Amino acid sequence: MLRPRFIVLDEPTSALDMSVQAQIVDLLSDLQRKYGLAYLFISHDLKVVRALSDHVIVMKDGKVVEQGATETIFDNPVETYTKALMAAAFDMEFDERAVAEGVVRM
């Protein structure tokens, strides 16, 4: 227990202001590098998820709708639900017709 290899983090930054969130993200990243930790990071804050994750699983109603490398999911989401989440998280305009055509407008 003194040297865990895997840690579950459920919304660890949800009630924190932005500057404290950044400090926590930096701390978690440092600990991960130093001790070779693996995290299961559960969050609705996609900016924090993007900063900490190598692999992302998007869930809706308890079911996996999309998963893959963080860069792939954030830069080229496939599922409509994932596209809508990205639009909401990053202040993008979400237009269902644009999504159907594969374009989410900024």
PDB file of N, CA and C in Angstrom:
ATOM      1  N   MET A   1       0.809  -1.200   0.000  1.00  0.00           N
ATOM      2  CA  MET A   1       0.000   0.000   0.000  1.00  0.00           C
ATOM      3  C   MET A   1       0.854   1.267   0.000  1.00  0.00           C
ATOM      4  N   LEU A   2       2.096   1.154   0.406  1.00  0.00           N
ATOM      5  CA  LEU A   2       2.941   2.339   0.446  1.00  0.00           C
ATOM      6  C   LEU A   2       3.434   2.751  -0.934  1.00  0.00           C
ATOM      7  N   ARG A   3       3.458   1.821  -1.868  1.00  0.00           N
ATOM      8  CA  ARG A   3       3.892   2.103  -3.248  1.00  0.00           C
ATOM      9  C   ARG A   3       2.880   1.553  -4.242  1.00  0.00           C
ATOM     10  N   PRO A   4       1.701   2.178  -4.330  1.00  0.00           N
ATOM     11  CA  PRO A   4       0.693   1.655  -5.268  1.00  0.00           C
ATOM     12  C   PRO A   4       1.164   1.834  -6.704  1.00  0.00           C
ATOM     13  N   ARG A   5       0.709   0.950  -7.555  1.00  0.00           N
ATOM     14  CA  ARG A   5       1.013   1.055  -8.984  1.00  0.00           C
ATOM     15  C   ARG A   5      -0.195   1.593  -9.756  1.00  0.00           C
ATOM     16  N   PHE A   6      -1.376   1.507  -9.135  1.00  0.00           N
ATOM     17  CA  PHE A   6      -2.631   1.893  -9.784  1.00  0.00           C
ATOM     18  C   PHE A   6      -3.481   2.662  -8.788  1.00  0.00           C
ATOM     19  N   ILE A   7      -3.970   3.833  -9.190  1.00  0.00           N
ATOM     20  CA  ILE A   7      -4.784   4.672  -8.307  1.00  0.00           C
ATOM     21  C   ILE A   7      -6.040   5.099  -9.059  1.00  0.00           C
ATOM     22  N   VAL A   8      -7.190   4.968  -8.414  1.00  0.00           N
ATOM     23  CA  VAL A   8      -8.456   5.436  -8.970  1.00  0.00           C
ATOM     24  C   VAL A   8      -8.700   6.840  -8.433  1.00  0.00           C
ATOM     25  N   LEU A   9      -8.904   7.786  -9.338  1.00  0.00           N
ATOM     26  CA  LEU A   9      -9.150   9.185  -8.990  1.00  0.00           C
ATOM     27  C   LEU A   9     -10.530   9.566  -9.539  1.00  0.00           C
ATOM     28  N   ASP A  10     -11.500   9.725  -8.656  1.00  0.00           N
ATOM     29  CA  ASP A  10     -12.860  10.047  -9.070  1.00  0.00           C
ATOM     30  C   ASP A  10     -13.124  11.528  -8.823  1.00  0.00           C
ATOM     31  N   GLU A  11     -13.134  12.309  -9.893  1.00  0.00           N
ATOM     32  CA  GLU A  11     -13.371  13.756  -9.855  1.00  0.00           C
ATOM     33  C   GLU A  11     -12.448  14.466  -8.851  1.00  0.00           C
ATOM     34  N   PRO A  12     -11.135  14.246  -8.928  1.00  0.00           N
ATOM     35  CA  PRO A  12     -10.233  14.824  -7.925  1.00  0.00           C
ATOM     36  C   PRO A  12     -10.077  16.336  -8.000  1.00  0.00           C
ATOM     37  N   THR A  13     -10.474  16.950  -9.110  1.00  0.00           N
ATOM     38  CA  THR A  13     -10.319  18.400  -9.240  1.00  0.00           C
ATOM     39  C   THR A  13     -11.647  19.135  -9.385  1.00  0.00           C
ATOM     40  N   SER A  14     -12.753  18.455  -9.171  1.00  0.00           N
ATOM     41  CA  SER A  14     -14.070  19.028  -9.501  1.00  0.00           C
ATOM     42  C   SER A  14     -14.456  20.252  -8.682  1.00  0.00           C
ATOM     43  N   ALA A  15     -14.067  20.344  -7.435  1.00  0.00           N
ATOM     44  CA  ALA A  15     -14.491  21.467  -6.593  1.00  0.00           C
ATOM     45  C   ALA A  15     -13.378  22.489  -6.391  1.00  0.00           C
ATOM     46  N   LEU A  16     -12.365  22.443  -7.248  1.00  0.00           N
ATOM     47  CA  LEU A  16     -11.202  23.310  -7.073  1.00  0.00           C
ATOM     48  C   LEU A  16     -11.192  24.432  -8.096  1.00  0.00           C
ATOM     49  N   ASP A  17     -10.628  25.586  -7.695  1.00  0.00           N
ATOM     50  CA  ASP A  17     -10.504  26.664  -8.675  1.00  0.00           C
ATOM     51  C   ASP A  17      -9.382  26.322  -9.660  1.00  0.00           C
ATOM     52  N   MET A  18      -9.296  27.084 -10.737  1.00  0.00           N
ATOM     53  CA  MET A  18      -8.392  26.761 -11.840  1.00  0.00           C
ATOM     54  C   MET A  18      -6.921  26.675 -11.415  1.00  0.00           C
ATOM     55  N   SER A  19      -6.473  27.578 -10.551  1.00  0.00           N
ATOM     56  CA  SER A  19      -5.057  27.563 -10.168  1.00  0.00           C
ATOM     57  C   SER A  19      -4.730  26.331  -9.332  1.00  0.00           C
ATOM     58  N   VAL A  20      -5.637  25.927  -8.450  1.00  0.00           N
ATOM     59  CA  VAL A  20      -5.412  24.729  -7.636  1.00  0.00           C
ATOM     60  C   VAL A  20      -5.527  23.487  -8.513  1.00  0.00           C
ATOM     61  N   GLN A  21      -6.441  23.497  -9.479  1.00  0.00           N
ATOM     62  CA  GLN A  21      -6.546  22.382 -10.433  1.00  0.00           C
ATOM     63  C   GLN A  21      -5.217  22.173 -11.151  1.00  0.00           C
ATOM     64  N   ALA A  22      -4.631  23.260 -11.610  1.00  0.00           N
ATOM     65  CA  ALA A  22      -3.355  23.173 -12.325  1.00  0.00           C
ATOM     66  C   ALA A  22      -2.272  22.588 -11.422  1.00  0.00           C
ATOM     67  N   GLN A  23      -2.262  22.977 -10.166  1.00  0.00           N
ATOM     68  CA  GLN A  23      -1.285  22.445  -9.220  1.00  0.00           C
ATOM     69  C   GLN A  23      -1.483  20.939  -9.016  1.00  0.00           C
ATOM     70  N   ILE A  24      -2.738  20.513  -8.905  1.00  0.00           N
ATOM     71  CA  ILE A  24      -3.037  19.090  -8.719  1.00  0.00           C
ATOM     72  C   ILE A  24      -2.638  18.293  -9.958  1.00  0.00           C
ATOM     73  N   VAL A  25      -2.943  18.817 -11.134  1.00  0.00           N
ATOM     74  CA  VAL A  25      -2.564  18.141 -12.383  1.00  0.00           C
ATOM     75  C   VAL A  25      -1.045  18.003 -12.456  1.00  0.00           C
ATOM     76  N   ASP A  26      -0.326  19.061 -12.107  1.00  0.00           N
ATOM     77  CA  ASP A  26       1.140  18.998 -12.109  1.00  0.00           C
ATOM     78  C   ASP A  26       1.647  17.969 -11.107  1.00  0.00           C
ATOM     79  N   LEU A  27       1.067  17.958  -9.906  1.00  0.00           N
ATOM     80  CA  LEU A  27       1.466  17.000  -8.879  1.00  0.00           C
ATOM     81  C   LEU A  27       1.218  15.563  -9.335  1.00  0.00           C
ATOM     82  N   LEU A  28       0.029  15.304  -9.874  1.00  0.00           N
ATOM     83  CA  LEU A  28      -0.301  13.955 -10.347  1.00  0.00           C
ATOM     84  C   LEU A  28       0.638  13.520 -11.474  1.00  0.00           C
ATOM     85  N   SER A  29       0.952  14.433 -12.374  1.00  0.00           N
ATOM     86  CA  SER A  29       1.871  14.116 -13.473  1.00  0.00           C
ATOM     87  C   SER A  29       3.267  13.802 -12.934  1.00  0.00           C
ATOM     88  N   ASP A  30       3.736  14.603 -11.986  1.00  0.00           N
ATOM     89  CA  ASP A  30       5.057  14.373 -11.384  1.00  0.00           C
ATOM     90  C   ASP A  30       5.110  13.028 -10.672  1.00  0.00           C
ATOM     91  N   LEU A  31       4.075  12.724  -9.898  1.00  0.00           N
ATOM     92  CA  LEU A  31       4.027  11.446  -9.181  1.00  0.00           C
ATOM     93  C   LEU A  31       3.985  10.265 -10.152  1.00  0.00           C
ATOM     94  N   GLN A  32       3.258  10.450 -11.240  1.00  0.00           N
ATOM     95  CA  GLN A  32       3.159   9.387 -12.242  1.00  0.00           C
ATOM     96  C   GLN A  32       4.526   9.097 -12.856  1.00  0.00           C
ATOM     97  N   ARG A  33       5.239  10.155 -13.222  1.00  0.00           N
ATOM     98  CA  ARG A  33       6.578   9.972 -13.804  1.00  0.00           C
ATOM     99  C   ARG A  33       7.551   9.381 -12.782  1.00  0.00           C
ATOM    100  N   LYS A  34       7.534   9.913 -11.580  1.00  0.00           N
ATOM    101  CA  LYS A  34       8.498   9.503 -10.553  1.00  0.00           C
ATOM    102  C   LYS A  34       8.311   8.049 -10.125  1.00  0.00           C
ATOM    103  N   TYR A  35       7.046   7.617  -9.976  1.00  0.00           N
ATOM    104  CA  TYR A  35       6.773   6.291  -9.429  1.00  0.00           C
ATOM    105  C   TYR A  35       6.184   5.311 -10.436  1.00  0.00           C
ATOM    106  N   GLY A  36       6.018   5.731 -11.681  1.00  0.00           N
ATOM    107  CA  GLY A  36       5.463   4.840 -12.698  1.00  0.00           C
ATOM    108  C   GLY A  36       4.026   4.448 -12.415  1.00  0.00           C
ATOM    109  N   LEU A  37       3.248   5.386 -11.900  1.00  0.00           N
ATOM    110  CA  LEU A  37       1.860   5.113 -11.536  1.00  0.00           C
ATOM    111  C   LEU A  37       0.947   5.057 -12.760  1.00  0.00           C
ATOM    112  N   ALA A  38      -0.099   4.269 -12.631  1.00  0.00           N
ATOM    113  CA  ALA A  38      -1.189   4.270 -13.604  1.00  0.00           C
ATOM    114  C   ALA A  38      -2.416   4.809 -12.887  1.00  0.00           C
ATOM    115  N   TYR A  39      -3.147   5.688 -13.544  1.00  0.00           N
ATOM    116  CA  TYR A  39      -4.357   6.270 -12.968  1.00  0.00           C
ATOM    117  C   TYR A  39      -5.582   5.859 -13.773  1.00  0.00           C
ATOM    118  N   LEU A  40      -6.663   5.609 -13.067  1.00  0.00           N
ATOM    119  CA  LEU A  40      -7.991   5.591 -13.676  1.00  0.00           C
ATOM    120  C   LEU A  40      -8.585   6.917 -13.239  1.00  0.00           C
ATOM    121  N   PHE A  41      -8.646   7.857 -14.158  1.00  0.00           N
ATOM    122  CA  PHE A  41      -9.039   9.231 -13.856  1.00  0.00           C
ATOM    123  C   PHE A  41     -10.455   9.446 -14.356  1.00  0.00           C
ATOM    124  N   ILE A  42     -11.392   9.604 -13.439  1.00  0.00           N
ATOM    125  CA  ILE A  42     -12.800   9.785 -13.781  1.00  0.00           C
ATOM    126  C   ILE A  42     -13.133  11.262 -13.629  1.00  0.00           C
ATOM    127  N   SER A  43     -13.615  11.876 -14.707  1.00  0.00           N
ATOM    128  CA  SER A  43     -13.891  13.311 -14.636  1.00  0.00           C
ATOM    129  C   SER A  43     -14.838  13.741 -15.749  1.00  0.00           C
ATOM    130  N   HIS A  44     -15.547  14.820 -15.467  1.00  0.00           N
ATOM    131  CA  HIS A  44     -16.366  15.473 -16.486  1.00  0.00           C
ATOM    132  C   HIS A  44     -15.615  16.670 -17.074  1.00  0.00           C
ATOM    133  N   ASP A  45     -14.486  17.024 -16.480  1.00  0.00           N
ATOM    134  CA  ASP A  45     -13.700  18.174 -16.922  1.00  0.00           C
ATOM    135  C   ASP A  45     -12.729  17.712 -18.007  1.00  0.00           C
ATOM    136  N   LEU A  46     -13.131  17.915 -19.259  1.00  0.00           N
ATOM    137  CA  LEU A  46     -12.354  17.382 -20.370  1.00  0.00           C
ATOM    138  C   LEU A  46     -11.005  18.068 -20.543  1.00  0.00           C
ATOM    139  N   LYS A  47     -10.874  19.299 -20.072  1.00  0.00           N
ATOM    140  CA  LYS A  47      -9.575  19.970 -20.146  1.00  0.00           C
ATOM    141  C   LYS A  47      -8.567  19.268 -19.240  1.00  0.00           C
ATOM    142  N   VAL A  48      -8.998  18.878 -18.064  1.00  0.00           N
ATOM    143  CA  VAL A  48      -8.125  18.150 -17.141  1.00  0.00           C
ATOM    144  C   VAL A  48      -7.855  16.744 -17.680  1.00  0.00           C
ATOM    145  N   VAL A  49      -8.877  16.100 -18.218  1.00  0.00           N
ATOM    146  CA  VAL A  49      -8.710  14.765 -18.795  1.00  0.00           C
ATOM    147  C   VAL A  49      -7.651  14.815 -19.894  1.00  0.00           C
ATOM    148  N   ARG A  50      -7.750  15.806 -20.752  1.00  0.00           N
ATOM    149  CA  ARG A  50      -6.779  15.924 -21.849  1.00  0.00           C
ATOM    150  C   ARG A  50      -5.363  16.127 -21.323  1.00  0.00           C
ATOM    151  N   ALA A  51      -5.230  16.896 -20.252  1.00  0.00           N
ATOM    152  CA  ALA A  51      -3.901  17.175 -19.694  1.00  0.00           C
ATOM    153  C   ALA A  51      -3.255  15.948 -19.062  1.00  0.00           C
ATOM    154  N   LEU A  52      -4.063  15.030 -18.526  1.00  0.00           N
ATOM    155  CA  LEU A  52      -3.519  13.910 -17.760  1.00  0.00           C
ATOM    156  C   LEU A  52      -3.531  12.564 -18.468  1.00  0.00           C
ATOM    157  N   SER A  53      -4.318  12.415 -19.488  1.00  0.00           N
ATOM    158  CA  SER A  53      -4.592  11.074 -20.016  1.00  0.00           C
ATOM    159  C   SER A  53      -3.794  10.714 -21.250  1.00  0.00           C
ATOM    160  N   ASP A  54      -3.468   9.427 -21.346  1.00  0.00           N
ATOM    161  CA  ASP A  54      -2.882   8.862 -22.557  1.00  0.00           C
ATOM    162  C   ASP A  54      -3.954   8.148 -23.378  1.00  0.00           C
ATOM    163  N   HIS A  55      -4.974   7.642 -22.685  1.00  0.00           N
ATOM    164  CA  HIS A  55      -6.059   6.877 -23.305  1.00  0.00           C
ATOM    165  C   HIS A  55      -7.366   7.357 -22.681  1.00  0.00           C
ATOM    166  N   VAL A  56      -8.397   7.525 -23.507  1.00  0.00           N
ATOM    167  CA  VAL A  56      -9.685   8.039 -23.032  1.00  0.00           C
ATOM    168  C   VAL A  56     -10.794   7.060 -23.385  1.00  0.00           C
ATOM    169  N   ILE A  57     -11.710   6.895 -22.448  1.00  0.00           N
ATOM    170  CA  ILE A  57     -12.935   6.141 -22.693  1.00  0.00           C
ATOM    171  C   ILE A  57     -14.094   7.102 -22.442  1.00  0.00           C
ATOM    172  N   VAL A  58     -14.944   7.283 -23.436  1.00  0.00           N
ATOM    173  CA  VAL A  58     -16.128   8.137 -23.315  1.00  0.00           C
ATOM    174  C   VAL A  58     -17.316   7.233 -23.032  1.00  0.00           C
ATOM    175  N   MET A  59     -18.041   7.572 -21.967  1.00  0.00           N
ATOM    176  CA  MET A  59     -19.201   6.757 -21.591  1.00  0.00           C
ATOM    177  C   MET A  59     -20.469   7.598 -21.606  1.00  0.00           C
ATOM    178  N   LYS A  60     -21.559   6.939 -21.954  1.00  0.00           N
ATOM    179  CA  LYS A  60     -22.886   7.552 -21.914  1.00  0.00           C
ATOM    180  C   LYS A  60     -23.833   6.515 -21.340  1.00  0.00           C
ATOM    181  N   ASP A  61     -24.554   6.893 -20.301  1.00  0.00           N
ATOM    182  CA  ASP A  61     -25.510   5.993 -19.661  1.00  0.00           C
ATOM    183  C   ASP A  61     -24.870   4.663 -19.256  1.00  0.00           C
ATOM    184  N   GLY A  62     -23.614   4.732 -18.779  1.00  0.00           N
ATOM    185  CA  GLY A  62     -22.920   3.547 -18.296  1.00  0.00           C
ATOM    186  C   GLY A  62     -22.352   2.643 -19.376  1.00  0.00           C
ATOM    187  N   LYS A  63     -22.411   3.084 -20.621  1.00  0.00           N
ATOM    188  CA  LYS A  63     -21.889   2.276 -21.724  1.00  0.00           C
ATOM    189  C   LYS A  63     -20.776   3.039 -22.446  1.00  0.00           C
ATOM    190  N   VAL A  64     -19.773   2.300 -22.889  1.00  0.00           N
ATOM    191  CA  VAL A  64     -18.677   2.899 -23.646  1.00  0.00           C
ATOM    192  C   VAL A  64     -19.184   3.244 -25.044  1.00  0.00           C
ATOM    193  N   VAL A  65     -19.011   4.511 -25.445  1.00  0.00           N
ATOM    194  CA  VAL A  65     -19.421   4.919 -26.792  1.00  0.00           C
ATOM    195  C   VAL A  65     -18.220   5.171 -27.698  1.00  0.00           C
ATOM    196  N   GLU A  66     -17.059   5.446 -27.083  1.00  0.00           N
ATOM    197  CA  GLU A  66     -15.861   5.679 -27.885  1.00  0.00           C
ATOM    198  C   GLU A  66     -14.644   5.565 -26.979  1.00  0.00           C
ATOM    199  N   GLN A  67     -13.550   5.062 -27.541  1.00  0.00           N
ATOM    200  CA  GLN A  67     -12.315   4.979 -26.777  1.00  0.00           C
ATOM    201  C   GLN A  67     -11.133   5.013 -27.722  1.00  0.00           C
ATOM    202  N   GLY A  68     -10.001   5.451 -27.190  1.00  0.00           N
ATOM    203  CA  GLY A  68      -8.791   5.492 -27.991  1.00  0.00           C
ATOM    204  C   GLY A  68      -7.755   6.395 -27.375  1.00  0.00           C
ATOM    205  N   ALA A  69      -6.699   6.628 -28.121  1.00  0.00           N
ATOM    206  CA  ALA A  69      -5.644   7.525 -27.676  1.00  0.00           C
ATOM    207  C   ALA A  69      -6.235   8.918 -27.452  1.00  0.00           C
ATOM    208  N   THR A  70      -5.779   9.578 -26.422  1.00  0.00           N
ATOM    209  CA  THR A  70      -6.315  10.897 -26.068  1.00  0.00           C
ATOM    210  C   THR A  70      -6.289  11.851 -27.254  1.00  0.00           C
ATOM    211  N   GLU A  71      -5.168  11.914 -27.933  1.00  0.00           N
ATOM    212  CA  GLU A  71      -5.033  12.823 -29.066  1.00  0.00           C
ATOM    213  C   GLU A  71      -6.069  12.513 -30.149  1.00  0.00           C
ATOM    214  N   THR A  72      -6.284  11.246 -30.425  1.00  0.00           N
ATOM    215  CA  THR A  72      -7.252  10.835 -31.443  1.00  0.00           C
ATOM    216  C   THR A  72      -8.669  11.222 -31.042  1.00  0.00           C
ATOM    217  N   ILE A  73      -9.036  10.912 -29.803  1.00  0.00           N
ATOM    218  CA  ILE A  73     -10.399  11.210 -29.339  1.00  0.00           C
ATOM    219  C   ILE A  73     -10.662  12.709 -29.333  1.00  0.00           C
ATOM    220  N   PHE A  74      -9.702  13.495 -28.859  1.00  0.00           N
ATOM    221  CA  PHE A  74      -9.913  14.932 -28.769  1.00  0.00           C
ATOM    222  C   PHE A  74      -9.816  15.633 -30.117  1.00  0.00           C
ATOM    223  N   ASP A  75      -8.943  15.170 -30.982  1.00  0.00           N
ATOM    224  CA  ASP A  75      -8.758  15.839 -32.279  1.00  0.00           C
ATOM    225  C   ASP A  75      -9.699  15.343 -33.370  1.00  0.00           C
ATOM    226  N   ASN A  76     -10.125  14.080 -33.270  1.00  0.00           N
ATOM    227  CA  ASN A  76     -10.982  13.502 -34.309  1.00  0.00           C
ATOM    228  C   ASN A  76     -12.036  12.569 -33.711  1.00  0.00           C
ATOM    229  N   PRO A  77     -12.922  13.094 -32.882  1.00  0.00           N
ATOM    230  CA  PRO A  77     -13.954  12.213 -32.324  1.00  0.00           C
ATOM    231  C   PRO A  77     -14.848  11.678 -33.440  1.00  0.00           C
ATOM    232  N   VAL A  78     -15.293  10.437 -33.248  1.00  0.00           N
ATOM    233  CA  VAL A  78     -16.117   9.791 -34.268  1.00  0.00           C
ATOM    234  C   VAL A  78     -17.597   9.862 -33.902  1.00  0.00           C
ATOM    235  N   GLU A  79     -17.910   9.575 -32.673  1.00  0.00           N
ATOM    236  CA  GLU A  79     -19.312   9.479 -32.242  1.00  0.00           C
ATOM    237  C   GLU A  79     -19.935  10.863 -32.015  1.00  0.00           C
ATOM    238  N   THR A  80     -21.193  10.993 -32.358  1.00  0.00           N
ATOM    239  CA  THR A  80     -21.924  12.247 -32.183  1.00  0.00           C
ATOM    240  C   THR A  80     -21.898  12.705 -30.729  1.00  0.00           C
ATOM    241  N   TYR A  81     -22.079  11.779 -29.809  1.00  0.00           N
ATOM    242  CA  TYR A  81     -22.063  12.125 -28.380  1.00  0.00           C
ATOM    243  C   TYR A  81     -20.715  12.723 -27.980  1.00  0.00           C
ATOM    244  N   THR A  82     -19.628  12.126 -28.438  1.00  0.00           N
ATOM    245  CA  THR A  82     -18.286  12.627 -28.121  1.00  0.00           C
ATOM    246  C   THR A  82     -18.086  14.014 -28.724  1.00  0.00           C
ATOM    247  N   LYS A  83     -18.552  14.202 -29.936  1.00  0.00           N
ATOM    248  CA  LYS A  83     -18.433  15.511 -30.587  1.00  0.00           C
ATOM    249  C   LYS A  83     -19.194  16.576 -29.809  1.00  0.00           C
ATOM    250  N   ALA A  84     -20.372  16.223 -29.317  1.00  0.00           N
ATOM    251  CA  ALA A  84     -21.161  17.171 -28.528  1.00  0.00           C
ATOM    252  C   ALA A  84     -20.455  17.505 -27.211  1.00  0.00           C
ATOM    253  N   LEU A  85     -19.853  16.509 -26.567  1.00  0.00           N
ATOM    254  CA  LEU A  85     -19.094  16.756 -25.332  1.00  0.00           C
ATOM    255  C   LEU A  85     -17.934  17.712 -25.596  1.00  0.00           C
ATOM    256  N   MET A  86     -17.210  17.470 -26.666  1.00  0.00           N
ATOM    257  CA  MET A  86     -16.068  18.323 -27.006  1.00  0.00           C
ATOM    258  C   MET A  86     -16.525  19.750 -27.288  1.00  0.00           C
ATOM    259  N   ALA A  87     -17.605  19.872 -28.013  1.00  0.00           N
ATOM    260  CA  ALA A  87     -18.136  21.200 -28.321  1.00  0.00           C
ATOM    261  C   ALA A  87     -18.498  21.944 -27.044  1.00  0.00           C
ATOM    262  N   ALA A  88     -19.149  21.260 -26.114  1.00  0.00           N
ATOM    263  CA  ALA A  88     -19.545  21.898 -24.854  1.00  0.00           C
ATOM    264  C   ALA A  88     -18.336  22.241 -23.998  1.00  0.00           C
ATOM    265  N   ALA A  89     -17.360  21.360 -23.948  1.00  0.00           N
ATOM    266  CA  ALA A  89     -16.189  21.555 -23.083  1.00  0.00           C
ATOM    267  C   ALA A  89     -15.261  22.647 -23.588  1.00  0.00           C
ATOM    268  N   PHE A  90     -15.196  22.808 -24.892  1.00  0.00           N
ATOM    269  CA  PHE A  90     -14.226  23.740 -25.461  1.00  0.00           C
ATOM    270  C   PHE A  90     -14.898  24.924 -26.145  1.00  0.00           C
ATOM    271  N   ASP A  91     -16.130  25.243 -25.717  1.00  0.00           N
ATOM    272  CA  ASP A  91     -16.857  26.407 -26.205  1.00  0.00           C
ATOM    273  C   ASP A  91     -16.942  26.456 -27.726  1.00  0.00           C
ATOM    274  N   MET A  92     -17.234  25.309 -28.306  1.00  0.00           N
ATOM    275  CA  MET A  92     -17.410  25.233 -29.750  1.00  0.00           C
ATOM    276  C   MET A  92     -18.907  25.196 -30.048  1.00  0.00           C
ATOM    277  N   GLU A  93     -19.265  25.656 -31.214  1.00  0.00           N
ATOM    278  CA  GLU A  93     -20.663  25.598 -31.635  1.00  0.00           C
ATOM    279  C   GLU A  93     -20.978  24.168 -32.056  1.00  0.00           C
ATOM    280  N   PHE A  94     -22.074  23.630 -31.523  1.00  0.00           N
ATOM    281  CA  PHE A  94     -22.470  22.268 -31.886  1.00  0.00           C
ATOM    282  C   PHE A  94     -23.701  22.338 -32.760  1.00  0.00           C
ATOM    283  N   ASP A  95     -23.547  21.887 -33.977  1.00  0.00           N
ATOM    284  CA  ASP A  95     -24.620  21.881 -34.967  1.00  0.00           C
ATOM    285  C   ASP A  95     -24.755  20.441 -35.450  1.00  0.00           C
ATOM    286  N   GLU A  96     -25.913  19.813 -35.170  1.00  0.00           N
ATOM    287  CA  GLU A  96     -26.070  18.394 -35.504  1.00  0.00           C
ATOM    288  C   GLU A  96     -25.850  18.112 -36.986  1.00  0.00           C
ATOM    289  N   ARG A  97     -26.265  19.024 -37.846  1.00  0.00           N
ATOM    290  CA  ARG A  97     -26.027  18.812 -39.281  1.00  0.00           C
ATOM    291  C   ARG A  97     -24.539  18.818 -39.578  1.00  0.00           C
ATOM    292  N   ALA A  98     -23.806  19.741 -38.953  1.00  0.00           N
ATOM    293  CA  ALA A  98     -22.361  19.806 -39.164  1.00  0.00           C
ATOM    294  C   ALA A  98     -21.702  18.528 -38.638  1.00  0.00           C
ATOM    295  N   VAL A  99     -22.189  18.022 -37.507  1.00  0.00           N
ATOM    296  CA  VAL A  99     -21.648  16.787 -36.950  1.00  0.00           C
ATOM    297  C   VAL A  99     -21.906  15.630 -37.897  1.00  0.00           C
ATOM    298  N   ALA A 100     -23.109  15.566 -38.448  1.00  0.00           N
ATOM    299  CA  ALA A 100     -23.444  14.484 -39.389  1.00  0.00           C
ATOM    300  C   ALA A 100     -22.520  14.528 -40.601  1.00  0.00           C
ATOM    301  N   GLU A 101     -22.071  15.726 -40.979  1.00  0.00           N
ATOM    302  CA  GLU A 101     -21.171  15.884 -42.102  1.00  0.00           C
ATOM    303  C   GLU A 101     -19.706  15.740 -41.680  1.00  0.00           C
ATOM    304  N   GLY A 102     -19.476  15.529 -40.365  1.00  0.00           N
ATOM    305  CA  GLY A 102     -18.109  15.351 -39.892  1.00  0.00           C
ATOM    306  C   GLY A 102     -17.387  16.636 -39.537  1.00  0.00           C
ATOM    307  N   VAL A 103     -18.149  17.741 -39.376  1.00  0.00           N
ATOM    308  CA  VAL A 103     -17.527  19.027 -39.069  1.00  0.00           C
ATOM    309  C   VAL A 103     -18.186  19.595 -37.810  1.00  0.00           C
ATOM    310  N   VAL A 104     -17.361  19.957 -36.826  1.00  0.00           N
ATOM    311  CA  VAL A 104     -17.870  20.677 -35.658  1.00  0.00           C
ATOM    312  C   VAL A 104     -17.264  22.063 -35.734  1.00  0.00           C
ATOM    313  N   ARG A 105     -18.108  23.080 -35.782  1.00  0.00           N
ATOM    314  CA  ARG A 105     -17.621  24.450 -35.973  1.00  0.00           C
ATOM    315  C   ARG A 105     -17.162  25.072 -34.662  1.00  0.00           C
ATOM    316  N   MET A 106     -16.115  25.868 -34.752  1.00  0.00           N
ATOM    317  CA  MET A 106     -15.628  26.636 -33.600  1.00  0.00           C
ATOM    318  C   MET A 106     -16.451  27.885 -33.501  1.00  0.00           C
TER     319      MET A 106
END
